[in-house]
Amino acid sequence: MTQWDEYKFLFTICVTLSQRTIPSNNLEEDLSDLLDTHQDR
């Protein structure tokens, strides 16, 4: 995986989190889901 992919992934996480109006209680679950989908590629 290139460094650019890493940045893109981090940016996606930031955007996803910033779009939440209400902080989620299962934030860790969401993050692990993101990580899982990221690693599947």
N, C-alpha and C. Protein backbone atom coordinates (compact mmCIF):
# COMPACT_ATOMS: atom_id res chain seq x y z
N MET A 1 0.85 -1.20 0.00
CA MET A 1 0.00 0.00 0.00
C MET A 1 0.89 1.25 0.00
N THR A 2 0.53 2.19 -0.84
CA THR A 2 1.34 3.39 -0.94
C THR A 2 1.01 4.38 0.16
N GLN A 3 1.88 5.34 0.33
CA GLN A 3 1.66 6.36 1.35
C GLN A 3 0.40 7.16 1.01
N TRP A 4 0.17 7.38 -0.26
CA TRP A 4 -1.00 8.14 -0.69
C TRP A 4 -2.28 7.44 -0.22
N ASP A 5 -2.33 6.12 -0.32
CA ASP A 5 -3.50 5.38 0.13
C ASP A 5 -3.72 5.59 1.62
N GLU A 6 -2.62 5.63 2.37
CA GLU A 6 -2.73 5.87 3.80
C GLU A 6 -3.38 7.21 4.07
N TYR A 7 -2.90 8.24 3.39
CA TYR A 7 -3.44 9.58 3.59
C TYR A 7 -4.91 9.63 3.21
N LYS A 8 -5.22 9.00 2.10
CA LYS A 8 -6.60 9.00 1.63
C LYS A 8 -7.51 8.34 2.66
N PHE A 9 -7.01 7.25 3.24
CA PHE A 9 -7.78 6.51 4.23
C PHE A 9 -8.00 7.37 5.47
N LEU A 10 -6.94 8.00 5.95
CA LEU A 10 -7.06 8.86 7.13
C LEU A 10 -8.02 10.01 6.85
N PHE A 11 -7.93 10.57 5.67
CA PHE A 11 -8.82 11.66 5.30
C PHE A 11 -10.27 11.19 5.31
N THR A 12 -10.51 9.99 4.78
CA THR A 12 -11.86 9.43 4.76
C THR A 12 -12.40 9.29 6.18
N ILE A 13 -11.56 8.81 7.09
CA ILE A 13 -11.99 8.67 8.48
C ILE A 13 -12.37 10.03 9.05
N CYS A 14 -11.51 11.02 8.82
CA CYS A 14 -11.78 12.37 9.34
C CYS A 14 -13.10 12.90 8.81
N VAL A 15 -13.31 12.76 7.52
CA VAL A 15 -14.55 13.24 6.92
C VAL A 15 -15.75 12.51 7.51
N THR A 16 -15.63 11.20 7.62
CA THR A 16 -16.73 10.41 8.16
C THR A 16 -17.08 10.85 9.57
N LEU A 17 -16.06 11.05 10.38
CA LEU A 17 -16.30 11.46 11.76
C LEU A 17 -16.87 12.87 11.83
N SER A 18 -16.39 13.76 10.99
CA SER A 18 -16.84 15.14 11.05
C SER A 18 -18.29 15.28 10.57
N GLN A 19 -18.76 14.29 9.81
CA GLN A 19 -20.13 14.37 9.32
C GLN A 19 -21.15 13.92 10.36
N ARG A 20 -20.66 13.40 11.48
CA ARG A 20 -21.58 12.96 12.52
C ARG A 20 -22.09 14.17 13.30
N THR A 21 -23.41 14.31 13.37
CA THR A 21 -23.97 15.38 14.17
C THR A 21 -24.02 14.95 15.63
N ILE A 22 -24.28 13.68 15.85
CA ILE A 22 -24.29 13.14 17.20
C ILE A 22 -23.15 12.15 17.34
N PRO A 23 -22.26 12.36 18.30
CA PRO A 23 -21.18 11.39 18.50
C PRO A 23 -21.74 10.01 18.78
N SER A 24 -21.21 9.06 18.08
CA SER A 24 -21.72 7.70 18.21
C SER A 24 -21.12 7.01 19.42
N ASN A 25 -21.94 6.19 20.07
CA ASN A 25 -21.45 5.43 21.21
C ASN A 25 -20.59 4.27 20.74
N ASN A 26 -20.88 3.77 19.56
CA ASN A 26 -20.11 2.65 19.04
C ASN A 26 -19.10 3.15 18.01
N LEU A 27 -18.40 4.19 18.40
CA LEU A 27 -17.40 4.79 17.52
C LEU A 27 -16.30 3.79 17.20
N GLU A 28 -15.91 3.03 18.20
CA GLU A 28 -14.85 2.04 17.99
C GLU A 28 -15.28 0.99 16.97
N GLU A 29 -16.54 0.60 17.04
CA GLU A 29 -17.05 -0.37 16.07
C GLU A 29 -16.98 0.20 14.66
N ASP A 30 -17.41 1.45 14.55
CA ASP A 30 -17.38 2.09 13.23
C ASP A 30 -15.95 2.14 12.69
N LEU A 31 -15.02 2.49 13.57
CA LEU A 31 -13.63 2.58 13.14
C LEU A 31 -13.10 1.22 12.72
N SER A 32 -13.41 0.21 13.48
CA SER A 32 -12.93 -1.13 13.13
C SER A 32 -13.57 -1.60 11.82
N ASP A 33 -14.83 -1.21 11.60
CA ASP A 33 -15.47 -1.52 10.32
C ASP A 33 -14.70 -0.87 9.18
N LEU A 34 -14.37 0.41 9.37
CA LEU A 34 -13.60 1.12 8.35
C LEU A 34 -12.28 0.43 8.10
N LEU A 35 -11.61 0.04 9.17
CA LEU A 35 -10.32 -0.63 9.03
C LEU A 35 -10.48 -1.94 8.28
N ASP A 36 -11.53 -2.67 8.60
CA ASP A 36 -11.76 -3.96 7.94
C ASP A 36 -11.95 -3.76 6.44
N THR A 37 -12.81 -2.82 6.07
CA THR A 37 -13.07 -2.61 4.65
C THR A 37 -11.81 -2.11 3.96
N HIS A 38 -11.02 -1.33 4.68
CA HIS A 38 -9.78 -0.80 4.09
C HIS A 38 -8.79 -1.93 3.82
N GLN A 39 -8.71 -2.87 4.73
CA GLN A 39 -7.76 -3.96 4.58
C GLN A 39 -8.23 -4.99 3.55
N ASP A 40 -9.52 -5.01 3.29
CA ASP A 40 -10.05 -5.98 2.32
C ASP A 40 -9.60 -5.65 0.91
N ARG A 41 -9.39 -4.38 0.62
CA ARG A 41 -9.03 -3.96 -0.73
C ARG A 41 -7.70 -4.53 -1.17
